[in-house]
């Protein structure tokens, strides 16, 4: 594999140990290349055009500019760049707000290291990676919302994901292929998205209250 065919990744994380840990994990894995690693959004944005990332791993709580605002700026400057939120926070309001800003995936930091690598590959292949805890939160939100926009199959996929099942395992148990699982998860994210941050927060509060 040539250096030009590696997935170009930028990390935006203010915790030095976590940032270096992600960087080491990714850089030591075949097919991936960390082109930038920053403690703040401001630094990452200054280098955005030079780095030309395909995937950005974005923390939410950062010094200075917050992760949500940074996602918006990245997507405006480089619409083709995929952003995966990697955060300790899994509150509904933040998840919905991140999706509105343009994030294509949301992971929590207590995930297994292999899950991060899988998520990067997944989003590059058109998927929408979601942590087990995020899937569980979405399930709970829609269980309380009688007007859930999810189909029965999408709900079934989400419930399996919330139990920690892999795409392959879900596909096997539901007698569908892995690509169909990926499509269902992407559709779930699409249905979660709303047109404004205020509407996202209002919706999150409404379905979880």
N, C-alpha and C. Protein backbone atom coordinates (compact mmCIF):
# COMPACT_ATOMS: atom_id res chain seq x y z
N UNK A 1 0.85 -1.20 0.00
CA UNK A 1 0.00 0.00 0.00
C UNK A 1 0.88 1.24 0.00
N UNK A 2 0.62 2.15 -0.95
CA UNK A 2 1.42 3.37 -1.02
C UNK A 2 0.99 4.35 0.05
N UNK A 3 1.84 5.32 0.36
CA UNK A 3 1.55 6.31 1.39
C UNK A 3 0.33 7.15 1.02
N UNK A 4 0.08 7.30 -0.30
CA UNK A 4 -1.06 8.09 -0.75
C UNK A 4 -2.39 7.37 -0.57
N UNK A 5 -2.35 6.04 -0.40
CA UNK A 5 -3.59 5.29 -0.26
C UNK A 5 -3.96 5.04 1.20
N UNK A 6 -3.13 5.49 2.13
CA UNK A 6 -3.43 5.35 3.55
C UNK A 6 -4.54 6.32 3.93
N UNK A 7 -5.39 5.93 4.90
CA UNK A 7 -6.43 6.83 5.39
C UNK A 7 -5.77 7.92 6.24
N UNK A 8 -5.96 9.16 5.82
CA UNK A 8 -5.34 10.30 6.50
C UNK A 8 -6.22 10.75 7.67
N UNK A 9 -5.64 10.75 8.86
CA UNK A 9 -6.42 10.99 10.08
C UNK A 9 -5.82 12.13 10.89
N UNK A 10 -6.70 12.99 11.41
CA UNK A 10 -6.31 14.04 12.34
C UNK A 10 -7.00 13.77 13.68
N UNK A 11 -6.26 13.97 14.76
CA UNK A 11 -6.79 13.78 16.12
C UNK A 11 -6.88 15.14 16.80
N UNK A 12 -8.04 15.46 17.37
CA UNK A 12 -8.21 16.69 18.14
C UNK A 12 -8.65 16.28 19.54
N UNK A 13 -7.72 16.34 20.48
CA UNK A 13 -7.93 15.83 21.84
C UNK A 13 -7.00 16.57 22.79
N UNK A 14 -7.53 17.18 23.85
CA UNK A 14 -6.67 17.99 24.74
C UNK A 14 -5.93 17.17 25.79
N UNK A 15 -6.36 15.93 26.04
CA UNK A 15 -5.65 15.07 26.99
C UNK A 15 -4.45 14.45 26.28
N UNK A 16 -3.25 14.82 26.72
CA UNK A 16 -2.02 14.41 26.03
C UNK A 16 -1.87 12.89 25.98
N UNK A 17 -2.18 12.21 27.08
CA UNK A 17 -2.02 10.76 27.12
C UNK A 17 -2.97 10.07 26.14
N UNK A 18 -4.22 10.54 26.11
CA UNK A 18 -5.20 9.94 25.19
C UNK A 18 -4.80 10.24 23.75
N UNK A 19 -4.40 11.48 23.51
CA UNK A 19 -4.00 11.88 22.14
C UNK A 19 -2.84 11.04 21.65
N UNK A 20 -1.84 10.87 22.48
CA UNK A 20 -0.67 10.08 22.09
C UNK A 20 -1.02 8.60 21.96
N UNK A 21 -1.93 8.13 22.82
CA UNK A 21 -2.36 6.73 22.75
C UNK A 21 -3.08 6.43 21.44
N UNK A 22 -4.01 7.32 21.06
CA UNK A 22 -4.72 7.16 19.79
C UNK A 22 -3.73 7.19 18.62
N UNK A 23 -2.81 8.15 18.70
CA UNK A 23 -1.84 8.33 17.62
C UNK A 23 -0.97 7.08 17.44
N UNK A 24 -0.52 6.52 18.55
CA UNK A 24 0.33 5.32 18.51
C UNK A 24 -0.45 4.14 17.95
N UNK A 25 -1.68 3.96 18.43
CA UNK A 25 -2.53 2.86 17.97
C UNK A 25 -2.75 2.94 16.46
N UNK A 26 -3.12 4.15 16.00
CA UNK A 26 -3.46 4.32 14.58
C UNK A 26 -2.22 4.21 13.69
N UNK A 27 -1.15 4.88 14.10
CA UNK A 27 0.07 4.91 13.28
C UNK A 27 0.72 3.54 13.14
N UNK A 28 0.50 2.69 14.14
CA UNK A 28 1.13 1.36 14.11
C UNK A 28 0.24 0.32 13.41
N UNK A 29 -0.87 0.78 12.84
CA UNK A 29 -1.80 -0.12 12.16
C UNK A 29 -1.73 0.07 10.65
N UNK A 30 -1.58 -1.01 9.94
CA UNK A 30 -1.50 -0.98 8.48
C UNK A 30 -2.75 -0.32 7.88
N UNK A 31 -2.53 0.62 6.96
CA UNK A 31 -3.63 1.24 6.26
C UNK A 31 -4.05 2.59 6.81
N UNK A 32 -3.46 2.99 7.93
CA UNK A 32 -3.84 4.25 8.58
C UNK A 32 -2.62 5.17 8.73
N UNK A 33 -2.87 6.47 8.67
CA UNK A 33 -1.77 7.43 8.84
C UNK A 33 -2.26 8.66 9.58
N UNK A 34 -1.65 8.97 10.72
CA UNK A 34 -1.98 10.19 11.45
C UNK A 34 -1.20 11.35 10.83
N UNK A 35 -1.92 12.33 10.28
CA UNK A 35 -1.26 13.47 9.62
C UNK A 35 -1.24 14.70 10.50
N UNK A 36 -1.97 14.66 11.62
CA UNK A 36 -1.98 15.79 12.55
C UNK A 36 -2.58 15.37 13.87
N UNK A 37 -2.02 15.92 14.98
CA UNK A 37 -2.50 15.60 16.32
C UNK A 37 -2.47 16.89 17.13
N UNK A 38 -3.64 17.36 17.59
CA UNK A 38 -3.73 18.69 18.17
C UNK A 38 -4.49 18.71 19.49
N UNK A 39 -4.09 19.65 20.36
CA UNK A 39 -4.74 19.80 21.67
C UNK A 39 -5.90 20.77 21.63
N UNK A 40 -6.07 21.47 20.52
CA UNK A 40 -7.16 22.45 20.42
C UNK A 40 -7.72 22.50 19.00
N UNK A 41 -8.96 22.98 18.90
CA UNK A 41 -9.60 23.15 17.60
C UNK A 41 -8.89 24.20 16.77
N UNK A 42 -8.45 25.26 17.44
CA UNK A 42 -7.80 26.35 16.73
C UNK A 42 -6.56 25.86 15.99
N UNK A 43 -5.76 25.01 16.67
CA UNK A 43 -4.57 24.45 16.02
C UNK A 43 -4.96 23.58 14.82
N UNK A 44 -5.95 22.74 15.03
CA UNK A 44 -6.37 21.82 13.97
C UNK A 44 -6.89 22.57 12.75
N UNK A 45 -7.67 23.63 12.98
CA UNK A 45 -8.24 24.40 11.87
C UNK A 45 -7.15 25.13 11.09
N UNK A 46 -6.14 25.62 11.80
CA UNK A 46 -5.03 26.32 11.11
C UNK A 46 -4.31 25.40 10.14
N UNK A 47 -4.24 24.10 10.47
CA UNK A 47 -3.50 23.13 9.66
C UNK A 47 -4.40 22.30 8.75
N UNK A 48 -5.69 22.62 8.74
CA UNK A 48 -6.65 21.77 8.03
C UNK A 48 -6.32 21.58 6.56
N UNK A 49 -6.05 22.66 5.85
CA UNK A 49 -5.78 22.55 4.42
C UNK A 49 -4.47 21.84 4.13
N UNK A 50 -3.50 22.03 5.01
CA UNK A 50 -2.21 21.35 4.83
C UNK A 50 -2.34 19.86 5.13
N UNK A 51 -3.08 19.52 6.19
CA UNK A 51 -3.24 18.12 6.59
C UNK A 51 -4.13 17.34 5.62
N UNK A 52 -5.17 17.99 5.10
CA UNK A 52 -6.13 17.34 4.21
C UNK A 52 -6.62 15.99 4.75
N UNK A 53 -7.18 15.99 5.95
CA UNK A 53 -7.61 14.72 6.54
C UNK A 53 -8.84 14.13 5.87
N UNK A 54 -8.89 12.82 5.84
CA UNK A 54 -10.10 12.13 5.39
C UNK A 54 -11.02 11.86 6.57
N UNK A 55 -10.40 11.66 7.75
CA UNK A 55 -11.16 11.42 8.97
C UNK A 55 -10.58 12.27 10.09
N UNK A 56 -11.46 12.92 10.86
CA UNK A 56 -11.04 13.66 12.06
C UNK A 56 -11.69 13.01 13.27
N UNK A 57 -10.87 12.68 14.27
CA UNK A 57 -11.36 12.18 15.55
C UNK A 57 -11.46 13.39 16.48
N UNK A 58 -12.66 13.73 16.92
CA UNK A 58 -12.92 15.00 17.59
C UNK A 58 -13.46 14.82 19.00
N UNK A 59 -12.76 15.39 19.98
CA UNK A 59 -13.30 15.46 21.33
C UNK A 59 -14.33 16.59 21.36
N UNK A 60 -15.19 16.59 22.38
CA UNK A 60 -16.22 17.62 22.48
C UNK A 60 -15.79 18.77 23.40
N UNK A 61 -15.37 18.41 24.62
CA UNK A 61 -14.96 19.42 25.60
C UNK A 61 -13.49 19.74 25.41
N UNK A 62 -13.22 20.95 24.88
CA UNK A 62 -11.85 21.35 24.58
C UNK A 62 -11.62 22.79 25.05
N UNK A 63 -10.37 23.14 25.32
CA UNK A 63 -10.08 24.53 25.69
C UNK A 63 -10.31 25.45 24.49
N UNK A 64 -10.83 26.64 24.72
CA UNK A 64 -11.11 27.54 23.60
C UNK A 64 -12.35 27.08 22.86
N UNK A 65 -12.25 26.98 21.55
CA UNK A 65 -13.39 26.54 20.74
C UNK A 65 -13.79 25.12 21.08
N UNK A 66 -15.09 24.88 21.21
CA UNK A 66 -15.59 23.55 21.52
C UNK A 66 -15.66 22.66 20.28
N UNK A 67 -15.79 21.37 20.51
CA UNK A 67 -15.79 20.41 19.41
C UNK A 67 -16.94 20.57 18.43
N UNK A 68 -18.12 20.94 18.93
CA UNK A 68 -19.29 21.09 18.05
C UNK A 68 -19.05 22.19 17.02
N UNK A 69 -18.57 23.36 17.49
CA UNK A 69 -18.29 24.48 16.59
C UNK A 69 -17.20 24.10 15.59
N UNK A 70 -16.23 23.32 16.05
CA UNK A 70 -15.13 22.91 15.18
C UNK A 70 -15.61 21.95 14.08
N UNK A 71 -16.52 21.05 14.44
CA UNK A 71 -17.08 20.14 13.44
C UNK A 71 -17.73 20.94 12.32
N UNK A 72 -18.51 21.95 12.69
CA UNK A 72 -19.19 22.79 11.70
C UNK A 72 -18.19 23.45 10.75
N UNK A 73 -17.10 23.97 11.32
CA UNK A 73 -16.09 24.65 10.51
C UNK A 73 -15.37 23.67 9.59
N UNK A 74 -15.07 22.50 10.10
CA UNK A 74 -14.40 21.48 9.28
C UNK A 74 -15.29 21.07 8.11
N UNK A 75 -16.57 20.81 8.38
CA UNK A 75 -17.49 20.37 7.34
C UNK A 75 -17.74 21.47 6.31
N UNK A 76 -17.69 22.72 6.76
CA UNK A 76 -17.87 23.83 5.81
C UNK A 76 -16.65 23.95 4.90
N UNK A 77 -15.46 23.80 5.48
CA UNK A 77 -14.22 23.94 4.71
C UNK A 77 -13.92 22.71 3.87
N UNK A 78 -14.22 21.53 4.40
CA UNK A 78 -13.93 20.27 3.71
C UNK A 78 -15.13 19.32 3.87
N UNK A 79 -16.16 19.50 3.07
CA UNK A 79 -17.38 18.68 3.21
C UNK A 79 -17.13 17.18 3.12
N UNK A 80 -16.09 16.79 2.40
CA UNK A 80 -15.81 15.37 2.23
C UNK A 80 -15.09 14.71 3.39
N UNK A 81 -14.64 15.51 4.36
CA UNK A 81 -13.94 14.96 5.52
C UNK A 81 -14.96 14.38 6.50
N UNK A 82 -14.72 13.15 6.91
CA UNK A 82 -15.60 12.49 7.89
C UNK A 82 -15.14 12.81 9.31
N UNK A 83 -16.08 13.13 10.17
CA UNK A 83 -15.76 13.44 11.57
C UNK A 83 -16.41 12.42 12.49
N UNK A 84 -15.59 11.83 13.36
CA UNK A 84 -16.09 10.91 14.39
C UNK A 84 -15.86 11.57 15.74
N UNK A 85 -16.91 11.79 16.50
CA UNK A 85 -16.76 12.30 17.86
C UNK A 85 -16.27 11.16 18.74
N UNK A 86 -15.25 11.44 19.57
CA UNK A 86 -14.76 10.48 20.55
C UNK A 86 -14.76 11.21 21.89
N UNK A 87 -15.73 10.90 22.74
CA UNK A 87 -15.97 11.71 23.94
C UNK A 87 -16.29 10.84 25.14
N UNK A 88 -16.10 11.40 26.34
CA UNK A 88 -16.56 10.70 27.55
C UNK A 88 -18.05 10.94 27.75
N UNK A 89 -18.59 11.92 27.05
CA UNK A 89 -19.99 12.31 27.23
C UNK A 89 -20.91 11.58 26.26
N UNK A 90 -22.03 11.07 26.78
CA UNK A 90 -23.00 10.42 25.90
C UNK A 90 -24.42 10.92 26.16
N UNK A 91 -24.54 12.18 26.64
CA UNK A 91 -25.87 12.75 26.85
C UNK A 91 -26.56 12.95 25.50
N UNK A 92 -27.87 12.70 25.45
CA UNK A 92 -28.61 12.85 24.20
C UNK A 92 -28.42 14.21 23.52
N UNK A 93 -28.46 15.28 24.30
CA UNK A 93 -28.32 16.62 23.72
C UNK A 93 -27.04 16.78 22.94
N UNK A 94 -25.93 16.28 23.49
CA UNK A 94 -24.63 16.40 22.83
C UNK A 94 -24.56 15.53 21.58
N UNK A 95 -25.12 14.33 21.67
CA UNK A 95 -25.11 13.43 20.51
C UNK A 95 -25.86 14.06 19.35
N UNK A 96 -27.08 14.54 19.62
CA UNK A 96 -27.88 15.15 18.56
C UNK A 96 -27.21 16.40 18.01
N UNK A 97 -26.62 17.19 18.91
CA UNK A 97 -25.97 18.42 18.47
C UNK A 97 -24.78 18.12 17.58
N UNK A 98 -24.01 17.09 17.94
CA UNK A 98 -22.85 16.70 17.13
C UNK A 98 -23.28 16.24 15.75
N UNK A 99 -24.38 15.48 15.68
CA UNK A 99 -24.89 15.01 14.40
C UNK A 99 -25.36 16.18 13.55
N UNK A 100 -26.02 17.15 14.18
CA UNK A 100 -26.47 18.34 13.45
C UNK A 100 -25.29 19.11 12.88
N UNK A 101 -24.20 19.14 13.63
CA UNK A 101 -23.01 19.89 13.19
C UNK A 101 -22.31 19.20 12.03
N UNK A 102 -22.59 17.91 11.83
CA UNK A 102 -21.98 17.21 10.70
C UNK A 102 -21.18 15.97 11.05
N UNK A 103 -21.16 15.58 12.33
CA UNK A 103 -20.44 14.36 12.71
C UNK A 103 -21.10 13.16 12.05
N UNK A 104 -20.29 12.21 11.62
CA UNK A 104 -20.81 11.01 10.96
C UNK A 104 -20.78 9.79 11.85
N UNK A 105 -20.24 9.95 13.06
CA UNK A 105 -20.16 8.84 14.01
C UNK A 105 -19.95 9.37 15.40
N UNK A 106 -20.26 8.55 16.42
CA UNK A 106 -20.10 9.00 17.80
C UNK A 106 -19.68 7.80 18.65
N UNK A 107 -18.48 7.90 19.23
CA UNK A 107 -17.94 6.84 20.07
C UNK A 107 -17.66 7.39 21.46
N UNK A 108 -17.72 6.53 22.46
CA UNK A 108 -17.31 6.93 23.81
C UNK A 108 -15.93 6.37 24.10
N UNK A 109 -15.21 7.05 24.98
CA UNK A 109 -13.79 6.73 25.18
C UNK A 109 -13.54 5.41 25.90
N UNK A 110 -14.60 4.79 26.43
CA UNK A 110 -14.40 3.50 27.11
C UNK A 110 -14.46 2.32 26.16
N UNK A 111 -14.43 2.60 24.85
CA UNK A 111 -14.47 1.55 23.84
C UNK A 111 -13.15 0.76 23.82
N UNK A 112 -13.20 -0.40 23.22
CA UNK A 112 -11.98 -1.18 22.99
C UNK A 112 -11.16 -0.51 21.88
N UNK A 113 -9.82 -0.52 21.97
CA UNK A 113 -8.99 0.11 20.93
C UNK A 113 -9.32 -0.34 19.51
N UNK A 114 -9.61 -1.62 19.35
CA UNK A 114 -9.92 -2.15 18.02
C UNK A 114 -11.17 -1.50 17.45
N UNK A 115 -12.07 -1.06 18.32
CA UNK A 115 -13.32 -0.43 17.87
C UNK A 115 -13.03 0.90 17.18
N UNK A 116 -12.01 1.61 17.65
CA UNK A 116 -11.66 2.90 17.04
C UNK A 116 -11.18 2.68 15.61
N UNK A 117 -10.33 1.70 15.42
CA UNK A 117 -9.82 1.40 14.08
C UNK A 117 -10.95 0.93 13.16
N UNK A 118 -11.83 0.12 13.70
CA UNK A 118 -12.98 -0.37 12.93
C UNK A 118 -13.89 0.79 12.52
N UNK A 119 -14.07 1.75 13.44
CA UNK A 119 -14.94 2.90 13.17
C UNK A 119 -14.38 3.78 12.06
N UNK A 120 -13.07 3.96 12.05
CA UNK A 120 -12.43 4.77 10.99
C UNK A 120 -12.64 4.11 9.63
N UNK A 121 -12.42 2.82 9.58
CA UNK A 121 -12.61 2.10 8.33
C UNK A 121 -14.09 2.12 7.93
N UNK A 122 -14.95 1.95 8.91
CA UNK A 122 -16.39 1.91 8.66
C UNK A 122 -16.91 3.22 8.06
N UNK A 123 -16.51 4.35 8.64
CA UNK A 123 -17.01 5.63 8.14
C UNK A 123 -16.48 5.93 6.74
N UNK A 124 -15.27 5.44 6.45
CA UNK A 124 -14.71 5.62 5.11
C UNK A 124 -15.44 4.77 4.07
N UNK A 125 -16.08 3.71 4.54
CA UNK A 125 -16.82 2.83 3.63
C UNK A 125 -18.30 3.18 3.59
N UNK A 126 -18.65 4.35 4.16
CA UNK A 126 -20.03 4.81 4.08
C UNK A 126 -20.88 4.50 5.29
N UNK A 127 -20.27 3.96 6.34
CA UNK A 127 -21.02 3.62 7.55
C UNK A 127 -21.14 4.79 8.50
N UNK A 128 -21.77 4.53 9.65
CA UNK A 128 -21.96 5.56 10.67
C UNK A 128 -21.70 4.91 12.03
N UNK A 129 -20.43 4.83 12.44
CA UNK A 129 -20.08 4.09 13.66
C UNK A 129 -20.71 4.68 14.92
N UNK A 130 -21.15 3.80 15.79
CA UNK A 130 -21.85 4.19 17.01
C UNK A 130 -21.41 3.29 18.15
N UNK A 131 -21.04 3.86 19.29
CA UNK A 131 -20.67 3.06 20.46
C UNK A 131 -21.88 2.32 21.02
N UNK A 132 -21.61 1.25 21.76
CA UNK A 132 -22.67 0.50 22.41
C UNK A 132 -23.51 1.40 23.31
N UNK A 133 -22.84 2.26 24.09
CA UNK A 133 -23.58 3.13 25.02
C UNK A 133 -24.43 4.15 24.28
N UNK A 134 -23.95 4.62 23.11
CA UNK A 134 -24.73 5.58 22.33
C UNK A 134 -25.95 4.87 21.74
N UNK A 135 -25.75 3.66 21.23
CA UNK A 135 -26.88 2.88 20.71
C UNK A 135 -27.92 2.65 21.79
N UNK A 136 -27.45 2.34 23.00
CA UNK A 136 -28.37 2.11 24.13
C UNK A 136 -29.17 3.37 24.44
N UNK A 137 -28.48 4.52 24.42
CA UNK A 137 -29.15 5.79 24.70
C UNK A 137 -30.21 6.10 23.65
N UNK A 138 -29.88 5.82 22.38
CA UNK A 138 -30.83 6.09 21.30
C UNK A 138 -32.05 5.16 21.43
N UNK A 139 -31.80 3.90 21.75
CA UNK A 139 -32.90 2.95 21.96
C UNK A 139 -33.83 3.47 23.04
N UNK A 140 -33.25 3.87 24.18
CA UNK A 140 -34.06 4.36 25.30
C UNK A 140 -34.83 5.61 24.92
N UNK A 141 -34.19 6.49 24.17
CA UNK A 141 -34.86 7.72 23.74
C UNK A 141 -36.08 7.42 22.91
N UNK A 142 -35.92 6.50 21.94
CA UNK A 142 -37.04 6.21 21.05
C UNK A 142 -38.10 5.31 21.69
N UNK A 143 -37.69 4.54 22.72
CA UNK A 143 -38.69 3.75 23.42
C UNK A 143 -39.68 4.66 24.16
N UNK A 144 -39.18 5.83 24.57
CA UNK A 144 -40.03 6.80 25.28
C UNK A 144 -40.79 7.69 24.31
N UNK A 145 -40.45 7.58 23.04
CA UNK A 145 -41.08 8.42 22.03
C UNK A 145 -42.00 7.54 21.18
N UNK A 146 -43.29 7.63 21.40
CA UNK A 146 -44.24 6.76 20.70
C UNK A 146 -44.27 7.04 19.20
N UNK A 147 -43.80 8.20 18.81
CA UNK A 147 -43.78 8.55 17.39
C UNK A 147 -42.41 8.31 16.78
N UNK A 148 -41.74 7.26 17.23
CA UNK A 148 -40.40 6.95 16.73
C UNK A 148 -40.41 6.82 15.21
N UNK A 149 -39.45 7.49 14.54
CA UNK A 149 -39.38 7.39 13.08
C UNK A 149 -38.69 6.11 12.61
N UNK A 150 -38.18 5.29 13.54
CA UNK A 150 -37.44 4.10 13.14
C UNK A 150 -38.38 2.97 12.73
N UNK A 151 -37.97 2.22 11.73
CA UNK A 151 -38.71 1.02 11.33
C UNK A 151 -38.45 -0.08 12.34
N UNK A 152 -39.25 -1.13 12.28
CA UNK A 152 -39.07 -2.26 13.19
C UNK A 152 -37.68 -2.87 13.02
N UNK A 153 -37.22 -2.99 11.77
CA UNK A 153 -35.90 -3.57 11.50
C UNK A 153 -34.79 -2.68 12.04
N UNK A 154 -34.92 -1.37 11.84
CA UNK A 154 -33.90 -0.44 12.36
C UNK A 154 -33.82 -0.51 13.88
N UNK A 155 -34.97 -0.61 14.53
CA UNK A 155 -35.01 -0.73 15.99
C UNK A 155 -34.33 -2.02 16.43
N UNK A 156 -34.57 -3.09 15.68
CA UNK A 156 -33.97 -4.40 15.97
C UNK A 156 -32.45 -4.33 15.85
N UNK A 157 -31.97 -3.71 14.78
CA UNK A 157 -30.51 -3.55 14.58
C UNK A 157 -29.92 -2.74 15.73
N UNK A 158 -30.60 -1.66 16.10
CA UNK A 158 -30.12 -0.78 17.16
C UNK A 158 -30.06 -1.50 18.49
N UNK A 159 -31.05 -2.32 18.77
CA UNK A 159 -31.07 -3.06 20.04
C UNK A 159 -29.92 -4.07 20.10
N UNK A 160 -29.62 -4.71 18.98
CA UNK A 160 -28.47 -5.63 18.93
C UNK A 160 -27.18 -4.86 19.15
N UNK A 161 -27.07 -3.70 18.51
CA UNK A 161 -25.87 -2.86 18.66
C UNK A 161 -25.70 -2.43 20.11
N UNK A 162 -26.81 -2.09 20.77
CA UNK A 162 -26.79 -1.66 22.16
C UNK A 162 -26.33 -2.77 23.10
N UNK A 163 -26.50 -4.02 22.64
CA UNK A 163 -26.02 -5.16 23.45
C UNK A 163 -24.57 -5.51 23.15
N UNK A 164 -23.94 -4.68 22.32
CA UNK A 164 -22.52 -4.87 22.05
C UNK A 164 -22.21 -5.82 20.91
N UNK A 165 -23.21 -6.17 20.11
CA UNK A 165 -23.00 -7.10 19.00
C UNK A 165 -22.25 -6.39 17.85
N UNK A 166 -21.40 -7.14 17.18
CA UNK A 166 -20.68 -6.62 16.01
C UNK A 166 -21.60 -6.62 14.80
N UNK A 167 -21.20 -5.89 13.75
CA UNK A 167 -21.97 -5.87 12.50
C UNK A 167 -22.15 -7.30 11.98
N UNK A 168 -21.08 -8.06 12.00
CA UNK A 168 -21.12 -9.43 11.47
C UNK A 168 -22.09 -10.29 12.27
N UNK A 169 -22.05 -10.14 13.59
CA UNK A 169 -22.94 -10.91 14.46
C UNK A 169 -24.40 -10.52 14.23
N UNK A 170 -24.65 -9.22 14.10
CA UNK A 170 -26.02 -8.75 13.84
C UNK A 170 -26.52 -9.30 12.51
N UNK A 171 -25.67 -9.22 11.50
CA UNK A 171 -26.04 -9.71 10.17
C UNK A 171 -26.41 -11.19 10.23
N UNK A 172 -25.61 -11.97 10.95
CA UNK A 172 -25.84 -13.41 11.06
C UNK A 172 -27.15 -13.71 11.78
N UNK A 173 -27.39 -13.00 12.89
CA UNK A 173 -28.59 -13.27 13.69
C UNK A 173 -29.87 -12.83 12.99
N UNK A 174 -29.78 -11.78 12.17
CA UNK A 174 -30.98 -11.26 11.50
C UNK A 174 -31.11 -11.77 10.06
N UNK A 175 -30.16 -12.62 9.66
CA UNK A 175 -30.17 -13.21 8.31
C UNK A 175 -30.14 -12.14 7.21
N UNK A 176 -29.30 -11.14 7.42
CA UNK A 176 -29.08 -10.10 6.41
C UNK A 176 -27.58 -9.95 6.23
N UNK A 177 -27.14 -9.24 5.20
CA UNK A 177 -25.70 -9.10 5.02
C UNK A 177 -25.18 -7.89 5.80
N UNK A 178 -23.86 -7.86 5.95
CA UNK A 178 -23.20 -6.84 6.76
C UNK A 178 -23.46 -5.44 6.19
N UNK A 179 -23.51 -5.33 4.88
CA UNK A 179 -23.74 -4.04 4.23
C UNK A 179 -25.13 -3.51 4.56
N UNK A 180 -26.10 -4.39 4.70
CA UNK A 180 -27.45 -3.98 5.06
C UNK A 180 -27.49 -3.46 6.49
N UNK A 181 -26.73 -4.09 7.37
CA UNK A 181 -26.62 -3.60 8.77
C UNK A 181 -26.06 -2.19 8.76
N UNK A 182 -24.99 -1.99 7.99
CA UNK A 182 -24.36 -0.67 7.89
C UNK A 182 -25.37 0.38 7.39
N UNK A 183 -26.15 0.00 6.39
CA UNK A 183 -27.16 0.92 5.83
C UNK A 183 -28.22 1.27 6.87
N UNK A 184 -28.68 0.27 7.62
CA UNK A 184 -29.68 0.52 8.66
C UNK A 184 -29.15 1.52 9.69
N UNK A 185 -27.90 1.35 10.10
CA UNK A 185 -27.32 2.24 11.12
C UNK A 185 -27.17 3.65 10.57
N UNK A 186 -26.80 3.76 9.32
CA UNK A 186 -26.69 5.07 8.70
C UNK A 186 -28.08 5.74 8.63
N UNK A 187 -29.11 4.97 8.31
CA UNK A 187 -30.46 5.51 8.27
C UNK A 187 -30.94 5.96 9.64
N UNK A 188 -30.52 5.23 10.68
CA UNK A 188 -30.88 5.61 12.05
C UNK A 188 -30.29 6.99 12.36
N UNK A 189 -29.02 7.18 12.02
CA UNK A 189 -28.39 8.49 12.23
C UNK A 189 -29.11 9.57 11.45
N UNK A 190 -29.46 9.26 10.20
CA UNK A 190 -30.14 10.24 9.35
C UNK A 190 -31.46 10.67 10.00
N UNK A 191 -32.17 9.71 10.57
CA UNK A 191 -33.46 10.03 11.19
C UNK A 191 -33.31 10.78 12.50
N UNK A 192 -32.13 10.69 13.12
CA UNK A 192 -31.88 11.43 14.36
C UNK A 192 -31.59 12.90 14.07
N UNK A 193 -31.08 13.18 12.90
CA UNK A 193 -30.67 14.55 12.57
C UNK A 193 -31.88 15.46 12.42
N UNK A 194 -31.72 16.69 12.91
CA UNK A 194 -32.74 17.72 12.76
C UNK A 194 -32.08 18.96 12.18
N UNK A 195 -32.88 19.99 11.93
CA UNK A 195 -32.37 21.11 11.15
C UNK A 195 -31.67 22.21 11.94
N UNK A 196 -31.75 22.19 13.25
CA UNK A 196 -31.07 23.23 14.02
C UNK A 196 -30.64 22.67 15.37
N UNK A 197 -29.65 23.29 15.97
CA UNK A 197 -29.17 22.84 17.27
C UNK A 197 -30.27 22.93 18.32
N UNK A 198 -31.01 24.05 18.29
CA UNK A 198 -32.08 24.26 19.26
C UNK A 198 -33.11 23.14 19.17
N UNK A 199 -33.45 22.78 17.93
CA UNK A 199 -34.42 21.72 17.71
C UNK A 199 -33.87 20.38 18.19
N UNK A 200 -32.57 20.18 18.00
CA UNK A 200 -31.94 18.94 18.43
C UNK A 200 -32.01 18.79 19.94
N UNK A 201 -31.67 19.86 20.64
CA UNK A 201 -31.67 19.81 22.11
C UNK A 201 -33.10 19.65 22.62
N UNK A 202 -34.03 20.38 22.00
CA UNK A 202 -35.43 20.29 22.39
C UNK A 202 -35.94 18.86 22.20
N UNK A 203 -35.58 18.26 21.06
CA UNK A 203 -36.01 16.90 20.76
C UNK A 203 -35.41 15.91 21.77
N UNK A 204 -34.10 16.09 22.06
CA UNK A 204 -33.43 15.19 23.00
C UNK A 204 -34.07 15.26 24.38
N UNK A 205 -34.36 16.47 24.83
CA UNK A 205 -34.97 16.65 26.14
C UNK A 205 -36.38 16.06 26.16
N UNK A 206 -37.10 16.23 25.05
CA UNK A 206 -38.48 15.76 24.97
C UNK A 206 -38.55 14.24 25.03
N UNK A 207 -37.67 13.57 24.30
CA UNK A 207 -37.77 12.10 24.23
C UNK A 207 -37.14 11.41 25.42
N UNK A 208 -36.33 12.14 26.20
CA UNK A 208 -35.68 11.49 27.35
C UNK A 208 -36.28 11.94 28.67
N UNK A 209 -37.25 12.85 28.64
CA UNK A 209 -37.85 13.33 29.89
C UNK A 209 -38.98 12.40 30.34
